[in-house]
Amino acid sequence: MYMTGLYERSQAFAAPDDEARAASAEFAYCELLLSGVTSLVDISPPWEGWVELFAKSGLRGFLAPGYASARWYLENDFELKFAWDEARGRDGFATALALIDKVARHPSGRLSGVVSPMQIENCSAELLHDSREAARQRGIPFTVHIAQSVNEVQEMIRRHGKTPVQWAHEIGILGPDTILGHALFLDTHSWIRWWTKTDLALIADSGSSVAHCPTPFARYGQIMENFGDYLRAGVNMGLGTDTTPHNLVEEMRKAAVLARIAARNIKTVTTSDLLHAATVGGAKALMRDDLGRIAPNKKADVVLVDLTVPQMRPARDPLRSFVYHAGDRAVRDVFVDGQPVVAEGKVLTLDQNDAADRLVGAQRRMMEKVPGRDYRGRSAEEISPLSLPMAD
């Protein structure tokens, strides 16, 4: 599977129940707030209490209920298979639109939706096209995961003779209101080396945005090649987390360092480029020119960074100190729509410790089901071994 654990994990570890989802979401929202995040696109199957928890968090929420025509499954260690059920995908699409229309009327005024068919290889062309049209009709973003694994690229070339990005262009789902999740393995990537070399230009020329999440790929030994090339091609870049820790400052740091490693060039990307992606770039991707910057007539979403934190001193270049040294330790206060959600480094709206306690039980329930789901009948410990052996 080209070193990705995505498919093995997803088939063995059961989708969490609503109690587990609530605990996971509350814990993650706290992490995000503590790293200075004010707006969040949360891609998830819908679950009971999602809207209420999002509203309680104080975050500016872009709920993206996920759905697909197919799901992955494995019967061996090397072949990715697909279980197709278009009716299930259509039902998920309808459920997603109902939730999106509901949150648009939420009294907080901070919640809205994103149309989110999950992975391009798991959706029919018809479902993707109709999803994009539904987003256009509502004037909201459309997002899909694309070019996130070597397996995916090979599968799409097998089906269509084209890379995922080229097929997305062919069926008309790229554009200024489209956010491409990851878009890492383009035709020029060293793990792909497809002959066309047009993917990056197709993304840029269509005005599509890319949501770059360095951490999950770096753990598999995979990197974007490279962030600076996307910027110079004219692609609007945003940043996401996609996995724990949900720490956007850490993603800024990794994106900068990994881009320089991939390019073998310290000048390929600047620290200010990463700040732009984390703020204005994300706002542009979400079609919200009232977010992402401090200026007249913009929303009062403000993060205060404490310059007296030792890792911020001496504060000759506060941005560099923040991204490469202090990180989230320097985030002191966070305001969303002018309302305090973090004060003196503490989340005011949610209880992360309580969520962590609930996660212990959720993890145990999930692990107990693994042998019955895994295609080889393995335990959770066999699939994900401990880093160190347990003492006798």
Protein backbone atom coordinates (compact mmCIF):
# COMPACT_ATOMS: atom_id res chain seq x y z
CA MET A 1 0.00 0.00 0.00
CA TYR A 2 3.02 2.28 -0.50
CA MET A 3 3.48 2.68 3.28
CA THR A 4 0.09 4.25 3.94
CA GLY A 5 -1.92 2.82 6.83
CA LEU A 6 -5.15 4.45 5.65
CA TYR A 7 -6.81 1.37 4.19
CA GLU A 8 -5.66 -1.16 6.76
CA ARG A 9 -6.84 1.02 9.65
CA SER A 10 -10.19 1.92 8.13
CA GLN A 11 -11.21 -1.70 7.54
CA ALA A 12 -10.12 -2.94 10.97
CA PHE A 13 -11.07 -0.14 13.31
CA ALA A 14 -14.83 0.30 13.44
CA ALA A 15 -16.44 3.66 12.84
CA PRO A 16 -16.99 5.18 16.28
CA ASP A 17 -20.42 5.37 17.84
CA ASP A 18 -21.99 8.77 18.50
CA GLU A 19 -20.64 8.84 22.06
CA ALA A 20 -17.11 8.28 20.76
CA ARG A 21 -17.56 10.87 18.02
CA ALA A 22 -18.70 13.45 20.56
CA ALA A 23 -15.70 12.79 22.80
CA SER A 24 -13.30 12.88 19.85
CA ALA A 25 -14.78 16.08 18.49
CA GLU A 26 -14.75 17.88 21.84
CA PHE A 27 -11.13 16.90 22.45
CA ALA A 28 -10.10 17.97 18.93
CA TYR A 29 -12.00 21.28 19.08
CA CYS A 30 -10.11 22.11 22.28
CA GLU A 31 -6.77 21.32 20.63
CA LEU A 32 -7.66 23.52 17.67
CA LEU A 33 -8.77 26.44 19.82
CA LEU A 34 -5.61 26.24 21.91
CA SER A 35 -3.48 26.52 18.77
CA GLY A 36 -5.38 29.62 17.68
CA VAL A 37 -7.87 28.16 15.21
CA THR A 38 -11.07 30.18 14.85
CA SER A 39 -12.64 28.54 11.75
CA LEU A 40 -12.84 24.80 11.12
CA VAL A 41 -14.01 22.58 8.27
CA ASP A 42 -15.02 19.36 10.01
CA ILE A 43 -15.50 16.43 7.62
CA SER A 44 -17.43 13.62 9.29
CA PRO A 45 -20.39 11.33 8.86
CA PRO A 46 -23.31 13.11 10.57
CA TRP A 47 -23.84 12.15 14.21
CA GLU A 48 -26.31 13.06 16.92
CA GLY A 49 -25.24 16.21 18.77
CA TRP A 50 -22.68 17.40 16.18
CA VAL A 51 -24.35 20.73 15.48
CA GLU A 52 -24.97 21.43 19.15
CA LEU A 53 -21.38 20.71 20.15
CA PHE A 54 -20.01 22.84 17.33
CA ALA A 55 -22.22 25.74 18.40
CA LYS A 56 -21.16 25.30 22.03
CA SER A 57 -17.46 25.31 21.13
CA GLY A 58 -17.59 28.90 19.88
CA LEU A 59 -15.71 27.96 16.71
CA ARG A 60 -16.81 29.27 13.36
CA GLY A 61 -17.96 25.95 11.97
CA PHE A 62 -18.10 24.70 8.39
CA LEU A 63 -19.78 21.32 8.75
CA ALA A 64 -18.97 18.90 5.92
CA PRO A 65 -21.13 15.76 6.24
CA GLY A 66 -19.32 13.05 4.30
CA TYR A 67 -20.80 10.40 1.98
CA ALA A 68 -19.66 8.18 -0.90
CA SER A 69 -20.81 5.67 -3.51
CA ALA A 70 -18.33 3.02 -2.37
CA ARG A 71 -16.20 1.96 0.56
CA TRP A 72 -12.74 0.42 0.67
CA TYR A 73 -12.15 -3.14 1.79
CA LEU A 74 -9.24 -5.59 1.85
CA GLU A 75 -8.99 -9.33 1.34
CA ASN A 76 -5.20 -9.44 1.31
CA ASP A 77 -2.21 -7.23 2.09
CA PHE A 78 -1.72 -5.68 -1.33
CA GLU A 79 -4.98 -5.22 -3.26
CA LEU A 80 -7.42 -2.38 -2.52
CA LYS A 81 -11.02 -3.26 -3.38
CA PHE A 82 -14.24 -1.26 -3.58
CA ALA A 83 -17.75 -2.18 -2.43
CA TRP A 84 -20.11 -0.05 -4.56
CA ASP A 85 -23.57 1.02 -3.35
CA GLU A 86 -24.81 4.04 -5.29
CA ALA A 87 -28.13 4.08 -3.42
CA ARG A 88 -26.26 4.42 -0.12
CA GLY A 89 -24.24 7.27 -1.60
CA ARG A 90 -27.39 9.04 -2.75
CA ASP A 91 -29.00 8.62 0.68
CA GLY A 92 -25.86 10.10 2.27
CA PHE A 93 -25.96 13.00 -0.17
CA ALA A 94 -29.57 13.78 0.73
CA THR A 95 -28.83 13.55 4.45
CA ALA A 96 -25.83 15.84 4.02
CA LEU A 97 -27.82 18.50 2.17
CA ALA A 98 -30.56 18.42 4.80
CA LEU A 99 -27.98 19.03 7.54
CA ILE A 100 -26.23 21.76 5.54
CA ASP A 101 -29.54 23.57 4.99
CA LYS A 102 -30.34 23.23 8.68
CA VAL A 103 -27.06 24.70 9.95
CA ALA A 104 -27.39 27.66 7.58
CA ARG A 105 -30.36 28.73 9.73
CA HIS A 106 -28.59 28.20 13.07
CA PRO A 107 -29.20 31.11 15.46
CA SER A 108 -25.49 31.45 16.33
CA GLY A 109 -24.76 32.80 12.85
CA ARG A 110 -21.39 31.01 12.99
CA LEU A 111 -22.31 27.73 11.32
CA SER A 112 -22.52 26.86 7.65
CA GLY A 113 -21.91 23.87 5.39
CA VAL A 114 -19.54 22.40 2.86
CA VAL A 115 -20.66 19.77 0.32
CA SER A 116 -18.29 16.86 0.83
CA PRO A 117 -18.35 13.65 -1.20
CA MET A 118 -15.51 11.84 0.49
CA GLN A 119 -12.85 10.41 -1.86
CA ILE A 120 -12.79 10.83 -5.62
CA GLU A 121 -12.19 7.12 -6.25
CA ASN A 122 -15.15 6.20 -4.03
CA CYS A 123 -17.71 8.39 -5.82
CA SER A 124 -19.42 8.03 -9.17
CA ALA A 125 -19.08 10.84 -11.70
CA GLU A 126 -22.80 11.51 -11.35
CA LEU A 127 -22.64 11.87 -7.57
CA LEU A 128 -19.64 14.19 -7.81
CA HIS A 129 -21.29 16.32 -10.49
CA ASP A 130 -24.56 16.62 -8.58
CA SER A 131 -22.69 17.43 -5.37
CA ARG A 132 -20.78 20.22 -7.08
CA GLU A 133 -24.04 21.64 -8.49
CA ALA A 134 -25.68 21.52 -5.05
CA ALA A 135 -22.78 23.53 -3.63
CA ARG A 136 -23.03 26.09 -6.44
CA GLN A 137 -26.76 26.50 -5.92
CA ARG A 138 -26.19 27.24 -2.25
CA GLY A 139 -23.13 29.44 -2.79
CA ILE A 140 -20.97 27.30 -0.50
CA PRO A 141 -17.70 25.37 -0.98
CA PHE A 142 -17.39 21.89 -2.44
CA THR A 143 -14.60 19.58 -1.28
CA VAL A 144 -13.29 16.14 -2.19
CA HIS A 145 -10.22 14.14 -1.16
CA ILE A 146 -8.00 13.67 -4.19
CA ALA A 147 -4.46 12.47 -4.99
CA GLN A 148 -3.99 11.36 -1.38
CA SER A 149 -2.36 8.00 -2.08
CA VAL A 150 -0.40 6.13 -4.73
CA ASN A 151 -3.09 3.43 -4.73
CA GLU A 152 -5.73 6.01 -5.59
CA VAL A 153 -3.75 7.43 -8.51
CA GLN A 154 -3.08 3.96 -9.91
CA GLU A 155 -6.74 2.99 -9.55
CA MET A 156 -7.98 6.10 -11.37
CA ILE A 157 -5.47 5.59 -14.19
CA ARG A 158 -6.65 1.98 -14.45
CA ARG A 159 -10.29 3.07 -14.68
CA HIS A 160 -10.00 6.19 -16.81
CA GLY A 161 -6.48 6.41 -18.25
CA LYS A 162 -6.10 9.66 -16.34
CA THR A 163 -4.83 10.88 -13.00
CA PRO A 164 -7.46 11.81 -10.41
CA VAL A 165 -6.89 15.53 -11.02
CA GLN A 166 -7.25 15.10 -14.79
CA TRP A 167 -10.47 13.12 -14.35
CA ALA A 168 -11.83 15.76 -11.94
CA HIS A 169 -11.14 18.36 -14.63
CA GLU A 170 -12.80 16.23 -17.30
CA ILE A 171 -16.05 15.82 -15.33
CA GLY A 172 -16.13 19.51 -14.41
CA ILE A 173 -15.75 19.56 -10.63
CA LEU A 174 -12.73 21.86 -10.37
CA GLY A 175 -13.22 25.59 -9.87
CA PRO A 176 -12.86 28.54 -7.47
CA ASP A 177 -15.40 27.03 -5.07
CA THR A 178 -13.61 23.64 -4.96
CA ILE A 179 -11.28 22.61 -2.14
CA LEU A 180 -9.07 19.65 -2.98
CA GLY A 181 -8.19 17.65 0.10
CA HIS A 182 -4.45 16.91 0.07
CA ALA A 183 -3.72 16.83 -3.72
CA LEU A 184 -0.30 15.49 -2.81
CA PHE A 185 0.42 12.82 -5.41
CA LEU A 186 0.31 14.80 -8.64
CA ASP A 187 1.59 13.43 -11.93
CA THR A 188 5.00 15.03 -11.30
CA HIS A 189 5.43 13.54 -7.81
CA SER A 190 8.48 11.29 -7.51
CA TRP A 191 6.27 8.39 -6.32
CA ILE A 192 4.02 8.75 -9.41
CA ARG A 193 6.13 10.03 -12.33
CA TRP A 194 3.23 9.92 -14.78
CA TRP A 195 4.05 11.24 -18.22
CA THR A 196 1.51 14.10 -18.51
CA LYS A 197 2.86 16.74 -16.09
CA THR A 198 -0.36 18.78 -16.22
CA ASP A 199 -1.98 18.25 -12.82
CA LEU A 200 -0.61 21.35 -11.10
CA ALA A 201 -1.58 23.63 -13.98
CA LEU A 202 -5.11 22.18 -14.05
CA ILE A 203 -5.56 22.96 -10.35
CA ALA A 204 -4.15 26.47 -10.71
CA ASP A 205 -5.95 27.40 -13.92
CA SER A 206 -9.31 26.25 -12.52
CA GLY A 207 -8.87 28.43 -9.41
CA SER A 208 -9.26 25.43 -7.10
CA SER A 209 -7.79 25.54 -3.60
CA VAL A 210 -5.70 22.84 -1.91
CA ALA A 211 -6.03 21.91 1.76
CA HIS A 212 -2.54 20.75 2.76
CA CYS A 213 -2.18 18.56 5.86
CA PRO A 214 1.51 17.63 6.29
CA THR A 215 1.41 15.50 9.45
CA PRO A 216 -0.47 12.31 8.44
CA PHE A 217 1.65 11.94 5.31
CA ALA A 218 4.95 12.76 7.00
CA ARG A 219 4.30 9.88 9.40
CA TYR A 220 4.20 7.56 6.39
CA GLY A 221 7.37 9.05 4.92
CA GLN A 222 5.42 11.03 2.29
CA ILE A 223 5.68 14.76 1.50
CA MET A 224 4.22 17.30 -0.89
CA GLU A 225 6.68 18.13 -3.70
CA ASN A 226 6.55 20.99 -2.91
CA PHE A 227 4.44 23.71 -1.28
CA GLY A 228 6.41 26.50 -2.95
CA ASP A 229 5.81 25.05 -6.43
CA TYR A 230 2.05 25.09 -5.82
CA LEU A 231 2.22 28.74 -4.77
CA ARG A 232 4.30 29.76 -7.78
CA ALA A 233 1.85 27.95 -10.06
CA GLY A 234 -0.90 30.19 -8.64
CA VAL A 235 -2.71 27.67 -6.45
CA ASN A 236 -4.50 29.04 -3.39
CA MET A 237 -3.15 27.01 -0.47
CA GLY A 238 -4.80 26.40 2.88
CA LEU A 239 -3.73 24.29 5.85
CA GLY A 240 -5.43 21.56 7.84
CA THR A 241 -4.56 19.01 10.51
CA ASP A 242 -6.44 15.81 9.54
CA THR A 243 -5.05 13.92 12.53
CA THR A 244 -4.01 14.36 16.12
CA PRO A 245 -2.46 16.58 17.33
CA HIS A 246 -4.89 19.12 15.93
CA ASN A 247 -2.32 21.90 16.12
CA LEU A 248 -2.29 24.32 13.20
CA VAL A 249 0.97 25.99 14.26
CA GLU A 250 2.70 22.61 14.05
CA GLU A 251 1.29 22.15 10.53
CA MET A 252 2.69 25.55 9.52
CA ARG A 253 6.12 24.53 10.79
CA LYS A 254 6.06 21.11 9.11
CA ALA A 255 4.80 22.53 5.82
CA ALA A 256 7.71 24.99 5.72
CA VAL A 257 10.40 22.49 6.69
CA LEU A 258 9.16 19.69 4.43
CA ALA A 259 8.84 22.03 1.45
CA ARG A 260 12.46 23.06 1.86
CA ILE A 261 13.54 19.43 2.14
CA ALA A 262 11.55 18.43 -0.94
CA ALA A 263 12.90 21.36 -2.97
CA ARG A 264 16.40 21.18 -1.47
CA ASN A 265 16.05 24.94 -1.34
CA ILE A 266 15.55 27.11 1.74
CA LYS A 267 13.99 29.83 -0.41
CA THR A 268 11.17 27.75 -1.87
CA VAL A 269 8.71 28.95 0.78
CA THR A 270 8.74 31.72 3.41
CA THR A 271 7.29 31.81 6.88
CA SER A 272 4.88 34.52 5.76
CA ASP A 273 3.69 32.18 2.98
CA LEU A 274 2.64 29.71 5.65
CA LEU A 275 0.89 32.37 7.74
CA HIS A 276 -1.01 33.40 4.61
CA ALA A 277 -2.11 29.80 3.99
CA ALA A 278 -3.23 29.41 7.60
CA THR A 279 -5.32 32.59 7.48
CA VAL A 280 -6.17 34.32 4.20
CA GLY A 281 -5.68 31.19 2.08
CA GLY A 282 -8.13 29.20 4.18
CA ALA A 283 -10.65 32.04 4.14
CA LYS A 284 -10.44 32.30 0.34
CA ALA A 285 -10.93 28.56 -0.02
CA LEU A 286 -14.09 28.89 2.08
CA MET A 287 -15.34 31.76 -0.11
CA ARG A 288 -15.24 34.09 2.89
CA ASP A 289 -13.47 37.38 2.26
CA ASP A 290 -14.67 38.58 5.68
CA LEU A 291 -12.34 36.12 7.45
CA GLY A 292 -8.61 35.56 7.73
CA ARG A 293 -7.32 39.08 8.36
CA ILE A 294 -7.66 41.96 10.81
CA ALA A 295 -9.18 44.86 8.86
CA PRO A 296 -12.30 47.05 8.78
CA ASN A 297 -15.53 45.20 7.98
CA LYS A 298 -13.98 41.79 8.73
CA LYS A 299 -15.20 39.39 11.40
CA ALA A 300 -13.65 39.83 14.84
CA ASP A 301 -11.85 36.47 14.87
CA VAL A 302 -8.64 37.34 16.71
CA VAL A 303 -5.77 35.38 18.27
CA LEU A 304 -3.51 37.03 20.86
CA VAL A 305 0.03 35.67 21.11
CA ASP A 306 1.95 36.31 24.33
CA LEU A 307 5.34 37.83 23.51
CA THR A 308 6.53 37.33 27.09
CA VAL A 309 6.53 33.52 26.80
CA PRO A 310 10.22 32.52 27.03
CA GLN A 311 10.15 30.77 23.65
CA MET A 312 8.92 34.01 22.03
CA ARG A 313 11.87 36.02 23.34
CA PRO A 314 13.70 37.96 22.18
CA ALA A 315 10.84 39.06 19.94
CA ARG A 316 12.86 40.40 17.06
CA ASP A 317 10.79 38.39 14.56
CA PRO A 318 7.60 37.35 16.39
CA LEU A 319 6.19 35.32 13.50
CA ARG A 320 9.33 33.18 13.17
CA SER A 321 9.48 32.74 16.95
CA PHE A 322 5.83 31.70 16.99
CA VAL A 323 6.02 29.16 14.16
CA TYR A 324 9.43 27.58 14.85
CA HIS A 325 9.92 28.02 18.59
CA ALA A 326 6.92 28.72 20.79
CA GLY A 327 4.04 27.23 18.81
CA ASP A 328 0.75 26.88 20.64
CA ARG A 329 2.46 27.55 23.99
CA ALA A 330 2.30 31.26 23.12
CA VAL A 331 -1.43 31.37 22.28
CA ARG A 332 -3.01 33.29 25.13
CA ASP A 333 -6.48 34.46 24.11
CA VAL A 334 -8.78 33.60 21.22
CA PHE A 335 -11.90 35.47 20.13
CA VAL A 336 -14.47 34.34 17.58
CA ASP A 337 -16.97 36.93 16.39
CA GLY A 338 -15.71 39.12 19.21
CA GLN A 339 -16.53 36.56 21.88
CA PRO A 340 -13.77 35.01 24.07
CA VAL A 341 -13.35 31.24 23.58
CA VAL A 342 -9.82 30.90 25.04
CA ALA A 343 -8.54 33.04 27.93
CA GLU A 344 -5.08 32.82 29.50
CA GLY A 345 -4.47 29.58 27.61
CA LYS A 346 -7.65 27.83 28.78
CA VAL A 347 -10.66 26.86 26.68
CA LEU A 348 -13.78 28.54 28.07
CA THR A 349 -16.45 26.63 26.19
CA LEU A 350 -15.52 22.92 26.38
CA ASP A 351 -13.92 20.42 28.80
CA GLN A 352 -10.94 18.65 27.21
CA ASN A 353 -10.12 16.53 30.27
CA ASP A 354 -13.65 15.16 30.44
CA ALA A 355 -13.52 14.40 26.71
CA ALA A 356 -10.21 12.57 27.22
CA ASP A 357 -11.77 10.42 29.95
CA ARG A 358 -14.61 9.47 27.61
CA LEU A 359 -12.15 8.66 24.84
CA VAL A 360 -10.58 5.91 26.96
CA GLY A 361 -13.82 3.93 26.92
CA ALA A 362 -14.43 4.71 23.25
CA GLN A 363 -11.00 3.41 22.29
CA ARG A 364 -11.51 0.23 24.31
CA ARG A 365 -14.85 -0.47 22.60
CA MET A 366 -13.27 0.08 19.19
CA MET A 367 -10.29 -2.18 19.88
CA GLU A 368 -12.50 -5.02 21.10
CA LYS A 369 -14.18 -5.21 17.67
CA VAL A 370 -10.98 -5.31 15.62
CA PRO A 371 -10.46 -9.13 15.33
CA GLY A 372 -13.99 -9.55 13.97
CA ARG A 373 -13.46 -6.86 11.31
CA ASP A 374 -9.88 -7.40 10.18
CA TYR A 375 -9.48 -9.56 7.05
CA ARG A 376 -6.75 -11.56 8.82
CA GLY A 377 -8.45 -11.65 12.21
CA ARG A 378 -5.65 -9.72 13.90
CA SER A 379 -5.92 -7.84 17.17
CA ALA A 380 -5.52 -4.08 17.48
CA GLU A 381 -2.12 -4.67 19.09
CA GLU A 382 -0.95 -6.67 16.08
CA ILE A 383 -2.06 -4.00 13.61
CA SER A 384 -0.76 -1.10 15.71
CA PRO A 385 1.97 -2.43 18.04
CA LEU A 386 3.05 -0.49 21.10
CA SER A 387 6.22 1.57 20.70
CA LEU A 388 7.85 -0.23 23.64
CA PRO A 389 7.12 -3.65 25.12
CA MET A 390 5.09 -3.74 28.31
CA ALA A 391 7.09 -4.57 31.44
CA ASP A 392 6.28 -7.82 33.20
